[in-house]
Amino acid sequence: MKKYLNFLIYFLAFTLVGIGCGKSTSDPVLEDTPGVEDPSKKLSNIVLEQGNNVYGHVVDADYNPIPDVVVSDGYSVVKTNAKGEYQFKKNSKATFVYYSTPAGYEVNVATGRNMALFYATLSSSDAPQKHDFILKKLTTNESKFYLYAIGDPQVANSNEVDRFNNETMADIKEQLATSSLPAYGISLGDIVADQPSLFNTMKTALGSSSMKVFTTIGNHDKTGGNATTPRNSTTFETQYGPLNYSFNRGDVHFVCMDNVVFSNNSSYSLGFSNEQLDWLEKDLSFVSKDKLLILYYHMPIRGTNFSTRSRLFNLIKDFKEVHLMAGHTHYNENYIHNVSGKEIYEHVHAAACGAWWKSTINGDGTPNGYAIYEIDGTTVKNWIYKPTKLPSTFQIRLHKGNASYGGTYGFYSYNEPENRLIANVWNADPEWKIEVYVGNQKLGNMTLKTALNKDAWSLGYHLGVLNRNPDNYTTATKHLYVFDLPDNTAYNSVKVVATDRFGRTYEQSTLTTDLQAAISY
């Protein structure tokens, strides 16, 4: 009996401490209202099962329990019961406890900035620890919403932070103002350029609009390491939280994963560990296969034979619709995987910083910018690449085949005949149709020509004028189209009309003849 009383005293004391912890700055909870009975008294007393040491409640603003909320430490994955309770044994490597925001509830954010806050920091101790989370129910249905995807801000100094704020975020705010639909953002890694001192500054910048933003870690966001010790994510996690997590909006399940694997302080490769995929398998076990699944990470997986590739695709392929989203490349590419007869679209996003803030374009000639996806139920209804500080209708640049661009450090040409029209259509995919007109007369369809390899206009500025490192401009441009104009066709009479997979059309009739647009807006 004495042992039982001692246990009861210990348990009640720890529960009181735990509820106090639930009101820490890490956990989004309500403050008590003076003169009003503490609603937290509605919380049930959780009896820990043997071995478990992380536990708590997920409740609404009135402290009513929310069942079936997925909670994890990045290793264990459980659901809250009818009382809103969860519990599990903390993994020795876990640093956070966090929940997968349910579709019917608001995304909690950090104070003063719209950065998603869905986690609490775990103590390194194996002693029981309690973390309660409070969610606010949505007042409207979010089956329709916009998703903004931002690739590689990669800022290295205050001037580049200013450009990100004044160009990228200012442009996003203008776009957000054009619609009353809900909007959410995902930042696809390389938030900074090996400058962890800017993490907090960029957290404020990313969270400065009306949309709530989730983040991904990139290779330049990892720090430390030496010749034999890999870089780590500790500093990033201090600011942005877990690396592998999920959340829900409408009929969409989002999953974020870290796929950057360092072997020392400079060498890295793409990969998903089996430990990560164990977590993913558990997370997806709670998600109906009729949902839209969006998996996002930093490094594109197209064409890469990493060891767990088959397992990853086996875990995701049976969902109604799957979209993969990445950054990293500083060029734009739309890639379609064929997995057991199912097409899975991978969106490789050009960088917000373009070619490292040295111009207004990426290495492939794609303008600095970001992507906007319109989601309707379980379908990505349409998407567009939005060039920064340019109209959303600007989707094509035209060049003469023999055009040459450059300066003091060299000139670069497409090395094609003069009558060969070249169109850089940066967001094109196999479903797009690119047509050439003179007046109202259609001359024919342009052909994708990967043999052109690189965009001479981009090389002319970055290498020929700025004398940048050519090793950073070796990747092929994968969206250059060509058409041979009939003899004596006047270029000023030519018009190119591109029709995307959703039936929208974009026109361009102006040839790019100088480098001014690469230098500034």
Protein backbone atom coordinates (compact mmCIF):
# COMPACT_ATOMS: atom_id res chain seq x y z
CA MET A 1 0.00 0.00 0.00
CA LYS A 2 2.85 2.37 0.88
CA LYS A 3 4.48 1.75 -2.52
CA TYR A 4 1.17 2.50 -4.22
CA LEU A 5 0.75 5.80 -2.32
CA ASN A 6 4.30 6.85 -3.18
CA PHE A 7 3.65 6.12 -6.87
CA LEU A 8 0.37 8.07 -6.78
CA ILE A 9 2.04 11.09 -5.15
CA TYR A 10 4.86 10.98 -7.75
CA PHE A 11 2.42 10.63 -10.64
CA LEU A 12 0.14 13.51 -9.53
CA ALA A 13 3.13 15.77 -8.92
CA PHE A 14 4.61 15.04 -12.33
CA THR A 15 1.23 15.54 -14.04
CA LEU A 16 0.97 19.03 -12.55
CA VAL A 17 4.49 19.83 -13.75
CA GLY A 18 3.64 18.41 -17.16
CA ILE A 19 0.63 20.65 -17.60
CA GLY A 20 2.89 23.58 -16.79
CA CYS A 21 5.27 22.40 -19.49
CA GLY A 22 2.32 22.31 -21.86
CA LYS A 23 2.13 26.09 -21.56
CA SER A 24 5.72 26.66 -22.61
CA THR A 25 6.61 28.90 -25.53
CA SER A 26 7.08 25.78 -27.66
CA ASP A 27 3.50 24.57 -27.27
CA PRO A 28 0.69 26.71 -28.72
CA VAL A 29 -1.82 26.83 -25.83
CA LEU A 30 -4.26 29.34 -24.39
CA GLU A 31 -3.48 31.43 -21.35
CA ASP A 32 -5.83 31.16 -18.38
CA THR A 33 -8.47 33.89 -18.13
CA PRO A 34 -8.66 35.57 -14.69
CA GLY A 35 -11.91 34.80 -12.89
CA VAL A 36 -12.77 31.91 -15.17
CA GLU A 37 -12.43 28.28 -14.10
CA ASP A 38 -9.32 26.75 -15.63
CA PRO A 39 -10.59 24.73 -18.63
CA SER A 40 -7.49 22.54 -18.45
CA LYS A 41 -9.19 20.78 -15.55
CA LYS A 42 -11.16 18.99 -18.27
CA LEU A 43 -8.00 17.11 -19.27
CA SER A 44 -8.03 13.43 -18.36
CA ASN A 45 -5.37 11.88 -16.17
CA ILE A 46 -3.16 9.74 -18.40
CA VAL A 47 -1.94 6.48 -16.95
CA LEU A 48 1.33 5.64 -18.63
CA GLU A 49 1.77 2.16 -19.97
CA GLN A 50 4.96 0.44 -18.91
CA GLY A 51 7.98 1.80 -20.77
CA ASN A 52 6.28 4.88 -22.23
CA ASN A 53 7.67 8.27 -21.24
CA VAL A 54 6.25 10.86 -23.67
CA TYR A 55 2.57 11.65 -23.31
CA GLY A 56 -0.05 14.39 -23.41
CA HIS A 57 -3.29 15.63 -24.89
CA VAL A 58 -4.39 17.20 -28.15
CA VAL A 59 -7.45 19.32 -27.49
CA ASP A 60 -9.44 22.20 -28.97
CA ALA A 61 -9.63 25.75 -27.62
CA ASP A 62 -12.20 24.67 -25.01
CA TYR A 63 -10.01 21.74 -23.97
CA ASN A 64 -12.33 19.23 -25.59
CA PRO A 65 -10.37 16.18 -26.78
CA ILE A 66 -9.48 15.75 -30.46
CA PRO A 67 -9.26 12.05 -31.36
CA ASP A 68 -7.27 10.49 -34.22
CA VAL A 69 -4.54 13.14 -34.35
CA VAL A 70 -1.21 11.61 -35.41
CA VAL A 71 1.64 12.36 -32.98
CA SER A 72 5.29 11.40 -33.45
CA ASP A 73 8.85 11.88 -32.28
CA GLY A 74 10.16 11.05 -35.75
CA TYR A 75 10.39 7.36 -34.88
CA SER A 76 7.22 6.27 -33.08
CA VAL A 77 3.91 7.32 -34.67
CA VAL A 78 0.64 7.05 -32.74
CA LYS A 79 -2.89 8.47 -32.82
CA THR A 80 -4.76 10.21 -30.02
CA ASN A 81 -7.60 8.18 -28.48
CA ALA A 82 -11.18 9.30 -27.81
CA LYS A 83 -9.93 11.36 -24.86
CA GLY A 84 -7.37 13.15 -27.01
CA GLU A 85 -4.56 11.27 -25.25
CA TYR A 86 -1.31 10.00 -26.75
CA GLN A 87 1.70 8.22 -25.30
CA PHE A 88 4.78 6.35 -26.49
CA LYS A 89 8.36 5.57 -25.59
CA LYS A 90 10.79 8.26 -26.72
CA ASN A 91 13.49 7.19 -29.13
CA SER A 92 16.94 7.95 -27.76
CA LYS A 93 17.70 10.08 -30.85
CA ALA A 94 14.43 12.06 -30.78
CA THR A 95 14.55 15.80 -30.14
CA PHE A 96 10.90 16.79 -30.75
CA VAL A 97 7.38 15.59 -30.16
CA TYR A 98 5.00 16.87 -32.83
CA TYR A 99 1.59 16.33 -34.36
CA SER A 100 0.32 16.14 -37.92
CA THR A 101 -2.09 19.07 -38.14
CA PRO A 102 -5.55 17.67 -38.97
CA ALA A 103 -7.39 19.05 -42.00
CA GLY A 104 -10.21 20.58 -39.97
CA TYR A 105 -7.97 22.67 -37.73
CA GLU A 106 -5.82 25.76 -38.16
CA VAL A 107 -2.07 25.53 -38.57
CA ASN A 108 -0.53 26.95 -35.39
CA VAL A 109 2.23 29.49 -35.99
CA ALA A 110 5.03 31.17 -34.11
CA THR A 111 4.31 34.47 -32.38
CA GLY A 112 4.62 37.43 -34.76
CA ARG A 113 5.32 35.44 -37.92
CA ASN A 114 3.41 32.91 -39.97
CA MET A 115 5.84 30.00 -39.59
CA ALA A 116 4.22 26.66 -38.75
CA LEU A 117 4.62 25.65 -35.10
CA PHE A 118 3.46 22.07 -34.49
CA TYR A 119 6.13 20.70 -32.17
CA ALA A 120 7.66 20.87 -28.70
CA THR A 121 11.25 20.20 -27.72
CA LEU A 122 11.85 16.96 -25.85
CA SER A 123 14.09 16.70 -22.83
CA SER A 124 17.05 14.38 -23.28
CA SER A 125 16.05 12.65 -20.07
CA ASP A 126 14.26 9.31 -20.08
CA ALA A 127 11.99 10.51 -17.29
CA PRO A 128 8.30 10.90 -18.25
CA GLN A 129 7.50 14.23 -19.90
CA LYS A 130 4.13 15.68 -20.81
CA HIS A 131 3.33 17.92 -23.76
CA ASP A 132 -0.20 19.13 -24.47
CA PHE A 133 -1.20 20.77 -27.75
CA ILE A 134 -4.18 23.01 -28.41
CA LEU A 135 -5.70 23.37 -31.88
CA LYS A 136 -8.29 25.81 -33.14
CA LYS A 137 -11.06 24.49 -35.35
CA LEU A 138 -11.35 25.98 -38.83
CA THR A 139 -14.47 28.00 -39.54
CA THR A 140 -14.48 27.22 -43.27
CA ASN A 141 -13.84 24.19 -45.47
CA GLU A 142 -10.40 24.12 -47.07
CA SER A 143 -10.95 21.61 -49.84
CA LYS A 144 -9.77 24.36 -52.21
CA PHE A 145 -6.57 26.25 -51.51
CA TYR A 146 -3.34 27.51 -53.05
CA LEU A 147 0.11 26.11 -52.37
CA TYR A 148 3.16 28.34 -52.90
CA ALA A 149 6.46 26.50 -53.38
CA ILE A 150 9.66 28.49 -52.87
CA GLY A 151 12.95 27.01 -54.01
CA ASP A 152 16.35 28.06 -52.61
CA PRO A 153 16.33 31.60 -51.24
CA GLN A 154 19.97 30.81 -50.33
CA VAL A 155 20.85 34.19 -48.83
CA ALA A 156 24.42 34.87 -47.77
CA ASN A 157 24.21 38.44 -46.47
CA SER A 158 21.84 41.28 -45.57
CA ASN A 159 21.73 42.60 -49.14
CA GLU A 160 20.42 39.25 -50.36
CA VAL A 161 17.90 39.13 -47.51
CA ASP A 162 16.70 42.53 -48.69
CA ARG A 163 16.33 41.23 -52.24
CA PHE A 164 14.37 38.23 -50.99
CA ASN A 165 12.06 40.51 -49.01
CA ASN A 166 11.69 43.20 -51.65
CA GLU A 167 11.45 40.91 -54.66
CA THR A 168 10.28 37.40 -53.75
CA MET A 169 8.13 38.08 -50.69
CA ALA A 170 6.77 41.34 -52.08
CA ASP A 171 5.70 39.49 -55.22
CA ILE A 172 4.12 36.69 -53.20
CA LYS A 173 2.15 39.20 -51.14
CA GLU A 174 0.80 40.76 -54.32
CA GLN A 175 -0.29 37.35 -55.57
CA LEU A 176 -1.92 36.44 -52.27
CA ALA A 177 -4.00 39.61 -52.45
CA THR A 178 -5.60 38.47 -55.71
CA SER A 179 -7.52 35.56 -54.16
CA SER A 180 -9.71 34.89 -51.14
CA LEU A 181 -8.82 31.17 -51.07
CA PRO A 182 -6.61 29.91 -48.24
CA ALA A 183 -2.92 29.68 -49.09
CA TYR A 184 0.01 27.79 -47.60
CA GLY A 185 3.72 27.89 -48.37
CA ILE A 186 6.52 25.34 -48.45
CA SER A 187 10.14 26.46 -48.54
CA LEU A 188 12.15 23.76 -50.29
CA GLY A 189 15.51 24.09 -48.57
CA ASP A 190 18.71 26.11 -48.82
CA ILE A 191 17.08 28.90 -46.91
CA VAL A 192 20.54 30.31 -46.31
CA ALA A 193 23.91 29.93 -48.03
CA ASP A 194 26.00 28.39 -45.24
CA GLN A 195 25.09 31.30 -42.97
CA PRO A 196 23.19 29.93 -39.94
CA SER A 197 23.28 33.39 -38.33
CA LEU A 198 20.61 34.33 -40.90
CA PHE A 199 18.18 31.52 -39.95
CA ASN A 200 16.13 33.70 -37.63
CA THR A 201 16.13 36.62 -40.06
CA MET A 202 14.84 34.37 -42.84
CA LYS A 203 12.27 32.85 -40.51
CA THR A 204 10.86 36.35 -40.14
CA ALA A 205 11.03 36.98 -43.88
CA LEU A 206 9.33 33.71 -44.86
CA GLY A 207 6.65 34.27 -42.24
CA SER A 208 5.92 37.87 -43.22
CA SER A 209 2.94 37.24 -45.52
CA SER A 210 -0.61 36.08 -44.82
CA MET A 211 0.18 32.45 -45.74
CA LYS A 212 1.49 29.97 -43.20
CA VAL A 213 4.82 28.44 -44.19
CA PHE A 214 6.46 25.04 -43.60
CA THR A 215 10.18 24.52 -44.21
CA THR A 216 12.58 21.91 -45.59
CA ILE A 217 16.28 21.58 -44.86
CA GLY A 218 18.81 21.88 -47.71
CA ASN A 219 22.50 21.09 -48.01
CA HIS A 220 23.48 24.73 -47.33
CA ASP A 221 21.30 24.70 -44.18
CA LYS A 222 23.40 22.00 -42.51
CA THR A 223 26.34 23.13 -40.42
CA GLY A 224 29.50 21.96 -38.67
CA GLY A 225 31.47 18.87 -39.57
CA ASN A 226 35.09 18.42 -40.59
CA ALA A 227 37.11 16.18 -42.88
CA THR A 228 35.69 13.05 -41.27
CA THR A 229 32.53 14.22 -39.47
CA PRO A 230 29.34 15.00 -41.45
CA ARG A 231 27.55 18.32 -41.25
CA ASN A 232 24.50 18.22 -38.97
CA SER A 233 21.05 19.79 -38.71
CA THR A 234 21.16 20.86 -35.06
CA THR A 235 21.22 24.62 -35.64
CA PHE A 236 18.51 24.43 -38.30
CA GLU A 237 16.25 22.38 -36.03
CA THR A 238 16.65 24.94 -33.26
CA GLN A 239 14.97 27.51 -35.50
CA TYR A 240 12.67 25.44 -37.72
CA GLY A 241 11.88 22.22 -35.86
CA PRO A 242 11.63 18.61 -37.12
CA LEU A 243 13.12 17.51 -40.44
CA ASN A 244 10.63 14.72 -41.21
CA TYR A 245 7.00 15.61 -40.51
CA SER A 246 3.52 15.68 -42.05
CA PHE A 247 0.37 17.79 -42.03
CA ASN A 248 -3.05 17.81 -43.67
CA ARG A 249 -5.02 20.45 -45.56
CA GLY A 250 -8.37 19.65 -47.13
CA ASP A 251 -8.05 16.27 -48.84
CA VAL A 252 -4.26 16.51 -49.08
CA HIS A 253 -1.64 14.82 -46.94
CA PHE A 254 1.72 16.62 -47.01
CA VAL A 255 4.98 14.94 -46.01
CA CYS A 256 8.34 16.70 -45.65
CA MET A 257 11.59 14.72 -45.53
CA ASP A 258 15.30 15.48 -45.30
CA ASN A 259 17.13 13.78 -48.18
CA VAL A 260 20.56 15.44 -47.92
CA VAL A 261 23.21 13.04 -46.61
CA PHE A 262 26.65 14.46 -45.75
CA SER A 263 29.70 12.24 -45.42
CA ASN A 264 31.92 15.07 -44.11
CA ASN A 265 31.77 18.86 -44.04
CA SER A 266 31.64 19.26 -47.83
CA SER A 267 30.63 16.03 -49.62
CA TYR A 268 26.96 15.06 -49.74
CA SER A 269 24.57 12.87 -51.67
CA LEU A 270 20.86 12.19 -51.97
CA GLY A 271 19.27 9.54 -49.80
CA PHE A 272 16.42 8.42 -47.56
CA SER A 273 17.45 6.07 -44.77
CA ASN A 274 15.41 2.98 -43.93
CA GLU A 275 14.85 4.57 -40.52
CA GLN A 276 13.20 7.54 -42.25
CA LEU A 277 11.12 5.24 -44.41
CA ASP A 278 10.06 3.27 -41.33
CA TRP A 279 8.68 6.55 -39.99
CA LEU A 280 7.06 7.36 -43.36
CA GLU A 281 5.41 3.94 -43.53
CA LYS A 282 3.90 4.44 -40.07
CA ASP A 283 2.76 7.98 -40.91
CA LEU A 284 1.10 6.90 -44.18
CA SER A 285 -0.61 3.96 -42.46
CA PHE A 286 -3.00 6.50 -40.93
CA VAL A 287 -3.82 8.14 -44.30
CA SER A 288 -6.54 6.95 -46.66
CA LYS A 289 -5.24 6.03 -50.12
CA ASP A 290 -7.96 8.15 -51.75
CA LYS A 291 -6.12 11.30 -50.60
CA LEU A 292 -3.77 13.46 -52.65
CA LEU A 293 -0.22 12.95 -51.38
CA ILE A 294 2.41 15.68 -51.73
CA LEU A 295 5.91 14.65 -50.69
CA TYR A 296 8.51 17.40 -50.62
CA TYR A 297 12.25 17.51 -49.95
CA HIS A 298 15.32 19.41 -51.14
CA MET A 299 17.21 17.33 -53.72
CA PRO A 300 15.32 15.99 -56.78
CA ILE A 301 15.10 12.22 -56.98
CA ARG A 302 14.53 11.97 -60.75
CA GLY A 303 17.14 9.80 -62.42
CA THR A 304 18.90 8.96 -59.14
CA ASN A 305 19.37 5.34 -58.05
CA PHE A 306 19.59 5.69 -54.29
CA SER A 307 19.42 2.47 -52.28
CA THR A 308 15.90 2.91 -50.88
CA ARG A 309 14.31 4.17 -54.11
CA SER A 310 12.07 1.13 -54.67
CA ARG A 311 10.86 1.14 -51.09
CA LEU A 312 10.01 4.83 -51.23
CA PHE A 313 7.94 4.48 -54.39
CA ASN A 314 6.22 1.36 -53.07
CA LEU A 315 5.06 3.38 -50.06
CA ILE A 316 3.56 6.22 -52.09
CA LYS A 317 2.42 4.78 -55.42
CA ASP A 318 -1.05 3.62 -54.35
CA PHE A 319 -2.37 7.04 -53.38
CA LYS A 320 -5.01 8.54 -55.67
CA GLU A 321 -2.64 11.21 -56.90
CA VAL A 322 0.98 11.85 -55.94
CA HIS A 323 3.14 14.91 -56.52
CA LEU A 324 6.80 15.22 -55.58
CA MET A 325 8.38 18.65 -55.02
CA ALA A 326 12.04 19.67 -54.80
CA GLY A 327 14.45 22.59 -55.17
CA HIS A 328 18.28 22.50 -55.15
CA THR A 329 19.06 22.71 -58.88
CA HIS A 330 18.68 26.43 -59.67
CA TYR A 331 16.83 25.45 -62.83
CA ASN A 332 13.26 24.46 -63.61
CA GLU A 333 12.29 20.94 -64.66
CA ASN A 334 9.04 19.01 -64.86
CA TYR A 335 9.79 15.31 -64.60
CA ILE A 336 7.36 12.41 -64.77
CA HIS A 337 8.17 9.10 -63.07
CA ASN A 338 6.52 5.92 -64.30
CA VAL A 339 5.98 3.60 -61.33
CA SER A 340 4.20 0.34 -62.07
CA GLY A 341 2.28 2.06 -64.84
CA LYS A 342 1.36 5.04 -62.66
CA GLU A 343 2.63 8.52 -63.52
CA ILE A 344 4.07 10.45 -60.58
CA TYR A 345 4.92 14.06 -61.30
CA GLU A 346 8.08 15.57 -59.82
CA HIS A 347 8.24 19.36 -59.80
CA VAL A 348 11.85 20.59 -59.66
CA HIS A 349 11.61 24.27 -58.78
CA ALA A 350 13.92 26.98 -60.03
CA ALA A 351 15.47 29.09 -57.29
CA ALA A 352 14.04 32.24 -55.79
CA CYS A 353 17.63 33.51 -55.79
CA GLY A 354 18.16 32.41 -59.40
CA ALA A 355 21.89 32.11 -60.04
CA TRP A 356 22.79 33.01 -56.45
CA TRP A 357 21.41 36.58 -56.55
CA LYS A 358 23.89 37.58 -59.28
CA SER A 359 21.11 38.32 -61.79
CA THR A 360 17.35 38.02 -62.23
CA ILE A 361 17.55 34.53 -63.75
CA ASN A 362 18.53 30.95 -63.00
CA GLY A 363 21.31 29.14 -64.83
CA ASP A 364 18.86 27.79 -67.42
CA GLY A 365 17.35 31.19 -68.19
CA THR A 366 14.28 30.63 -66.00
CA PRO A 367 13.40 33.89 -64.23
CA ASN A 368 13.82 34.10 -60.47
CA GLY A 369 10.46 33.07 -59.05
CA TYR A 370 8.32 30.43 -57.36
CA ALA A 371 5.45 28.09 -58.17
CA ILE A 372 1.75 28.38 -57.37
CA TYR A 373 -0.47 25.28 -57.27
CA GLU A 374 -4.26 25.40 -57.18
CA ILE A 375 -5.57 22.40 -55.25
CA ASP A 376 -9.17 21.28 -55.52
CA GLY A 377 -10.09 18.25 -53.42
CA THR A 378 -7.73 15.40 -54.25
CA THR A 379 -6.39 16.98 -57.44
CA VAL A 380 -3.79 19.58 -58.28
CA LYS A 381 -6.12 21.49 -60.56
CA ASN A 382 -3.44 23.62 -62.16
CA TRP A 383 -0.08 25.22 -61.52
CA ILE A 384 2.07 28.01 -62.83
CA TYR A 385 5.64 29.20 -62.43
CA LYS A 386 5.40 32.83 -61.32
CA PRO A 387 8.39 34.98 -62.38
CA THR A 388 9.33 37.51 -59.72
CA LYS A 389 8.32 41.10 -60.57
CA LEU A 390 7.01 39.97 -63.97
CA PRO A 391 3.48 39.09 -65.13
CA SER A 392 2.33 35.51 -64.61
CA THR A 393 1.71 35.42 -68.38
CA PHE A 394 5.46 35.79 -69.03
CA GLN A 395 6.44 32.18 -69.73
CA ILE A 396 8.61 32.35 -72.90
CA ARG A 397 11.80 33.98 -74.14
CA LEU A 398 12.64 33.96 -77.85
CA HIS A 399 16.09 33.95 -79.46
CA LYS A 400 17.57 33.71 -82.93
CA GLY A 401 19.46 30.50 -83.51
CA ASN A 402 22.72 32.29 -84.26
CA ALA A 403 22.37 34.89 -81.50
CA SER A 404 25.52 35.49 -79.45
CA TYR A 405 25.59 36.94 -75.93
CA GLY A 406 28.48 37.91 -73.69
CA GLY A 407 31.08 40.48 -72.77
CA THR A 408 34.62 40.89 -71.55
CA TYR A 409 35.05 37.24 -70.57
CA GLY A 410 33.60 35.61 -73.66
CA PHE A 411 30.57 35.17 -75.88
CA TYR A 412 28.13 32.27 -76.05
CA SER A 413 25.85 31.20 -78.89
CA TYR A 414 23.22 28.51 -79.54
CA ASN A 415 25.25 27.75 -82.71
CA GLU A 416 22.11 27.16 -84.74
CA PRO A 417 21.11 28.58 -88.16
CA GLU A 418 19.85 32.15 -88.25
CA ASN A 419 16.37 31.07 -89.34
CA ARG A 420 16.03 28.60 -86.43
CA LEU A 421 13.76 30.15 -83.83
CA ILE A 422 14.55 29.17 -80.25
CA ALA A 423 12.00 29.40 -77.43
CA ASN A 424 12.91 28.92 -73.78
CA VAL A 425 9.62 27.75 -72.21
CA TRP A 426 10.72 27.13 -68.64
CA ASN A 427 7.58 25.49 -67.22
CA ALA A 428 6.80 23.28 -70.22
CA ASP A 429 6.18 19.55 -69.89
CA PRO A 430 5.21 16.84 -72.40
CA GLU A 431 1.59 17.99 -72.39
CA TRP A 432 2.40 21.52 -73.55
CA LYS A 433 1.93 22.54 -77.20
CA ILE A 434 4.27 25.23 -78.59
CA GLU A 435 3.07 26.74 -81.89
CA VAL A 436 4.59 29.27 -84.30
CA TYR A 437 2.48 31.85 -86.15
CA VAL A 438 3.03 34.60 -88.66
CA GLY A 439 0.03 36.83 -88.23
CA ASN A 440 -2.93 34.47 -87.91
CA GLN A 441 -1.29 31.74 -89.99
CA LYS A 442 0.09 28.80 -88.10
CA LEU A 443 3.43 27.67 -89.48
CA GLY A 444 3.80 24.58 -87.28
CA ASN A 445 4.73 23.22 -83.84
CA MET A 446 8.05 23.77 -82.15
CA THR A 447 10.12 20.74 -81.16
CA LEU A 448 11.88 20.13 -77.85
CA LYS A 449 15.61 19.92 -78.57
CA THR A 450 17.65 18.72 -75.61
CA ALA A 451 20.76 18.66 -77.81
CA LEU A 452 20.98 22.45 -77.45
CA ASN A 453 22.12 21.63 -73.94
CA LYS A 454 22.58 25.06 -72.38
CA ASP A 455 20.93 28.45 -72.55
CA ALA A 456 23.43 30.75 -74.31
CA TRP A 457 21.68 33.87 -73.03
CA SER A 458 22.21 32.86 -69.39
CA LEU A 459 25.80 31.79 -70.05
CA GLY A 460 26.50 35.04 -71.88
CA TYR A 461 25.67 37.09 -68.81
CA HIS A 462 26.85 34.88 -65.96
CA LEU A 463 30.08 33.75 -67.60
CA GLY A 464 30.75 36.27 -70.35
CA VAL A 465 29.98 39.38 -68.31
CA LEU A 466 30.26 38.39 -64.65
CA ASN A 467 33.06 35.84 -65.05
CA ARG A 468 31.30 33.38 -62.74
CA ASN A 469 32.60 29.86 -62.14
CA PRO A 470 31.62 27.79 -65.20
CA ASP A 471 31.42 24.66 -63.03
CA ASN A 472 28.14 26.04 -61.65
CA TYR A 473 26.59 26.32 -65.11
CA THR A 474 27.09 22.85 -66.54
CA THR A 475 23.54 21.47 -66.26
CA ALA A 476 21.53 21.14 -69.44
CA THR A 477 18.53 23.38 -70.06
CA LYS A 478 15.66 20.96 -70.60
CA HIS A 479 13.01 23.28 -72.05
CA LEU A 480 14.47 24.77 -75.23
CA TYR A 481 12.21 24.42 -78.30
CA VAL A 482 13.17 25.03 -81.94
CA PHE A 483 11.43 25.74 -85.24
CA ASP A 484 12.93 26.45 -88.66
CA LEU A 485 11.28 29.50 -90.16
CA PRO A 486 10.68 29.59 -93.94
CA ASP A 487 13.20 31.60 -95.92
CA ASN A 488 12.70 35.36 -95.84
CA THR A 489 10.38 35.21 -92.82
CA ALA A 490 10.63 38.48 -90.91
CA TYR A 491 11.33 37.83 -87.25
CA ASN A 492 9.22 40.82 -86.23
CA SER A 493 6.17 39.09 -87.72
CA VAL A 494 6.61 35.85 -85.74
CA LYS A 495 4.54 34.93 -82.70
CA VAL A 496 4.89 31.87 -80.46
CA VAL A 497 1.82 30.56 -78.64
CA ALA A 498 2.30 28.02 -75.85
CA THR A 499 -0.67 26.08 -74.47
CA ASP A 500 -0.14 24.37 -71.13
CA ARG A 501 -1.68 21.11 -69.91
CA PHE A 502 -4.62 23.03 -68.45
CA GLY A 503 -5.51 24.84 -71.69
CA ARG A 504 -4.11 28.25 -70.76
CA THR A 505 -2.20 30.05 -73.49
CA TYR A 506 0.87 32.28 -73.34
CA GLU A 507 2.20 34.39 -76.20
CA GLN A 508 5.57 35.89 -77.04
CA SER A 509 6.58 37.87 -80.11
CA THR A 510 9.58 39.82 -78.83
CA LEU A 511 13.09 38.53 -79.47
CA THR A 512 15.60 38.85 -76.64
CA THR A 513 18.57 40.58 -78.24
CA ASP A 514 20.54 41.95 -75.26
CA LEU A 515 21.32 41.10 -71.64
CA GLN A 516 19.42 43.88 -69.92
CA ALA A 517 16.64 41.63 -68.59
CA ALA A 518 19.22 39.38 -66.92
CA ILE A 519 20.89 42.33 -65.21
CA SER A 520 17.86 43.95 -63.62
CA TYR A 521 14.09 44.23 -63.80
